[in-house]
Amino acid sequence: MLSLAARVELEQGKLIRVMGPASITVETGKIRILGIDFGPGRRVVIHRYRSYAVKALEKSVVSVVLGERGGIKEPAEGEEVIDAWEQAASSIVD
C-alpha cells in the first residue's frame, strides 16, 4: 500500500478537507472534526470513501498520513458549510 505523509500548518479558522484513507494527528493547537474538538496528541482515522472537513480552532499543526487514493484539499469559498451546520445544531439544542 502506498502512503504519503504531510505536515500541514493551519491558521485559526482555516478549513481543509481530508479524503480517506487517511489519519490525522494533532501536533499543536486544536482542530474540530464532526463537532468534536481534538488537541495535541489526538489522532483521527478517516476510512476509505469518507471525507471530513477539518477546522482549525486555533493556530494548529497536523500531520496527515494518506493511504492510496487519500487526499487533502482546500475547499472553495462557500463550498464547506461546517459553520452553518454547527449554528443550526446549536439553535436546535438551545
C-alpha atoms as a PDB file:
ATOM      1  CA  MET A   1       0.000   0.000   0.000  1.00  0.00           C
ATOM      2  CA  LEU A   2       1.277   3.423  -0.963  1.00  0.00           C
ATOM      3  CA  SER A   3       1.234   6.118   1.718  1.00  0.00           C
ATOM      4  CA  LEU A   4       2.244   9.753   1.801  1.00  0.00           C
ATOM      5  CA  ALA A   5       2.879  11.889   4.880  1.00  0.00           C
ATOM      6  CA  ALA A   6       2.352  15.635   5.071  1.00  0.00           C
ATOM      7  CA  ARG A   7       2.719  18.244   7.798  1.00  0.00           C
ATOM      8  CA  VAL A   8       0.009  20.891   7.468  1.00  0.00           C
ATOM      9  CA  GLU A   9       0.019  24.269   9.222  1.00  0.00           C
ATOM     10  CA  LEU A  10      -3.427  25.811   9.713  1.00  0.00           C
ATOM     11  CA  GLU A  11      -4.246  29.348  10.773  1.00  0.00           C
ATOM     12  CA  GLN A  12      -7.191  29.831  13.145  1.00  0.00           C
ATOM     13  CA  GLY A  13     -10.477  29.405  11.252  1.00  0.00           C
ATOM     14  CA  LYS A  14      -8.816  27.659   8.278  1.00  0.00           C
ATOM     15  CA  LEU A  15     -10.614  24.684   6.723  1.00  0.00           C
ATOM     16  CA  ILE A  16      -9.239  21.726   4.821  1.00  0.00           C
ATOM     17  CA  ARG A  17     -10.981  18.612   3.561  1.00  0.00           C
ATOM     18  CA  VAL A  18      -9.242  15.275   4.097  1.00  0.00           C
ATOM     19  CA  MET A  19     -10.306  12.292   1.997  1.00  0.00           C
ATOM     20  CA  GLY A  20      -9.617   8.789   3.260  1.00  0.00           C
ATOM     21  CA  PRO A  21      -7.978   6.554   3.752  1.00  0.00           C
ATOM     22  CA  ALA A  22      -6.002   8.848   5.995  1.00  0.00           C
ATOM     23  CA  SER A  23      -5.010   9.502   9.577  1.00  0.00           C
ATOM     24  CA  ILE A  24      -4.602  12.917  11.161  1.00  0.00           C
ATOM     25  CA  THR A  25      -2.524  13.553  14.285  1.00  0.00           C
ATOM     26  CA  VAL A  26      -2.651  16.934  16.008  1.00  0.00           C
ATOM     27  CA  GLU A  27       0.864  18.133  16.775  1.00  0.00           C
ATOM     28  CA  THR A  28      -0.049  21.570  18.165  1.00  0.00           C
ATOM     29  CA  GLY A  29      -3.210  23.614  18.524  1.00  0.00           C
ATOM     30  CA  LYS A  30      -6.802  22.452  18.374  1.00  0.00           C
ATOM     31  CA  ILE A  31      -8.968  21.271  15.467  1.00  0.00           C
ATOM     32  CA  ARG A  32     -12.615  20.297  15.081  1.00  0.00           C
ATOM     33  CA  ILE A  33     -13.949  17.395  13.017  1.00  0.00           C
ATOM     34  CA  LEU A  34     -17.652  16.473  13.020  1.00  0.00           C
ATOM     35  CA  GLY A  35     -18.277  18.741  16.012  1.00  0.00           C
ATOM     36  CA  ILE A  36     -15.574  17.098  18.142  1.00  0.00           C
ATOM     37  CA  ASP A  37     -12.507  19.029  19.303  1.00  0.00           C
ATOM     38  CA  PHE A  38      -9.091  17.381  19.103  1.00  0.00           C
ATOM     39  CA  GLY A  39      -5.944  18.685  20.801  1.00  0.00           C
ATOM     40  CA  PRO A  40      -2.259  17.749  20.748  1.00  0.00           C
ATOM     41  CA  GLY A  41      -1.543  14.033  20.556  1.00  0.00           C
ATOM     42  CA  ARG A  42      -5.048  13.108  19.414  1.00  0.00           C
ATOM     43  CA  ARG A  43      -5.390  11.000  16.273  1.00  0.00           C
ATOM     44  CA  VAL A  44      -8.325  10.629  13.890  1.00  0.00           C
ATOM     45  CA  VAL A  45      -8.664   7.876  11.277  1.00  0.00           C
ATOM     46  CA  ILE A  46     -10.644   8.579   8.116  1.00  0.00           C
ATOM     47  CA  HIS A  47     -11.687   5.423   6.304  1.00  0.00           C
ATOM     48  CA  ARG A  48     -11.725   4.937   2.544  1.00  0.00           C
ATOM     49  CA  TYR A  49     -14.682   6.566   0.761  1.00  0.00           C
ATOM     50  CA  ARG A  50     -15.101   9.106   3.612  1.00  0.00           C
ATOM     51  CA  SER A  51     -14.045  12.733   3.721  1.00  0.00           C
ATOM     52  CA  TYR A  52     -14.185  15.173   6.606  1.00  0.00           C
ATOM     53  CA  ALA A  53     -13.812  18.904   6.970  1.00  0.00           C
ATOM     54  CA  VAL A  54     -11.071  19.837   9.423  1.00  0.00           C
ATOM     55  CA  LYS A  55     -11.357  23.277  11.019  1.00  0.00           C
ATOM     56  CA  ALA A  56      -8.543  24.907  12.991  1.00  0.00           C
ATOM     57  CA  LEU A  57      -9.982  26.355  16.205  1.00  0.00           C
ATOM     58  CA  GLU A  58      -6.604  27.984  16.841  1.00  0.00           C
ATOM     59  CA  LYS A  59      -3.287  28.059  15.011  1.00  0.00           C
ATOM     60  CA  SER A  60      -2.510  24.351  14.577  1.00  0.00           C
ATOM     61  CA  VAL A  61      -0.104  21.900  13.022  1.00  0.00           C
ATOM     62  CA  VAL A  62      -1.367  18.457  11.997  1.00  0.00           C
ATOM     63  CA  SER A  63       0.442  15.529  10.448  1.00  0.00           C
ATOM     64  CA  VAL A  64      -1.576  13.659   7.853  1.00  0.00           C
ATOM     65  CA  VAL A  65      -0.757  10.211   6.513  1.00  0.00           C
ATOM     66  CA  LEU A  66      -2.632   9.447   3.315  1.00  0.00           C
ATOM     67  CA  GLY A  67      -3.322   5.976   2.039  1.00  0.00           C
ATOM     68  CA  GLU A  68      -3.858   5.075  -1.607  1.00  0.00           C
ATOM     69  CA  ARG A  69      -6.402   7.486  -3.153  1.00  0.00           C
ATOM     70  CA  GLY A  70      -6.454   9.634   0.008  1.00  0.00           C
ATOM     71  CA  GLY A  71      -6.090  13.384  -0.364  1.00  0.00           C
ATOM     72  CA  ILE A  72      -6.113  16.847   1.141  1.00  0.00           C
ATOM     73  CA  LYS A  73      -7.747  19.845  -0.476  1.00  0.00           C
ATOM     74  CA  GLU A  74      -8.707  23.359   0.426  1.00  0.00           C
ATOM     75  CA  PRO A  75     -12.439  23.873  -0.144  1.00  0.00           C
ATOM     76  CA  ALA A  76     -13.505  26.766  -2.366  1.00  0.00           C
ATOM     77  CA  GLU A  77     -15.194  29.756  -0.728  1.00  0.00           C
ATOM     78  CA  GLY A  78     -18.696  28.715   0.379  1.00  0.00           C
ATOM     79  CA  GLU A  79     -18.151  25.051  -0.533  1.00  0.00           C
ATOM     80  CA  GLU A  80     -17.830  23.847   3.070  1.00  0.00           C
ATOM     81  CA  VAL A  81     -20.805  24.550   5.337  1.00  0.00           C
ATOM     82  CA  ILE A  82     -19.439  23.335   8.673  1.00  0.00           C
ATOM     83  CA  ASP A  83     -20.201  26.655  10.399  1.00  0.00           C
ATOM     84  CA  ALA A  84     -23.818  26.663   9.144  1.00  0.00           C
ATOM     85  CA  TRP A  85     -24.321  23.079  10.367  1.00  0.00           C
ATOM     86  CA  GLU A  86     -22.920  23.886  13.812  1.00  0.00           C
ATOM     87  CA  GLN A  87     -25.071  27.011  14.050  1.00  0.00           C
ATOM     88  CA  ALA A  88     -28.210  25.038  13.099  1.00  0.00           C
ATOM     89  CA  ALA A  89     -27.403  22.277  15.592  1.00  0.00           C
ATOM     90  CA  SER A  90     -26.797  24.813  18.339  1.00  0.00           C
ATOM     91  CA  SER A  91     -30.118  26.552  17.701  1.00  0.00           C
ATOM     92  CA  ILE A  92     -31.955  23.214  17.906  1.00  0.00           C
ATOM     93  CA  VAL A  93     -30.297  22.271  21.220  1.00  0.00           C
ATOM     94  CA  ASP A  94     -30.768  25.703  22.806  1.00  0.00           C
END
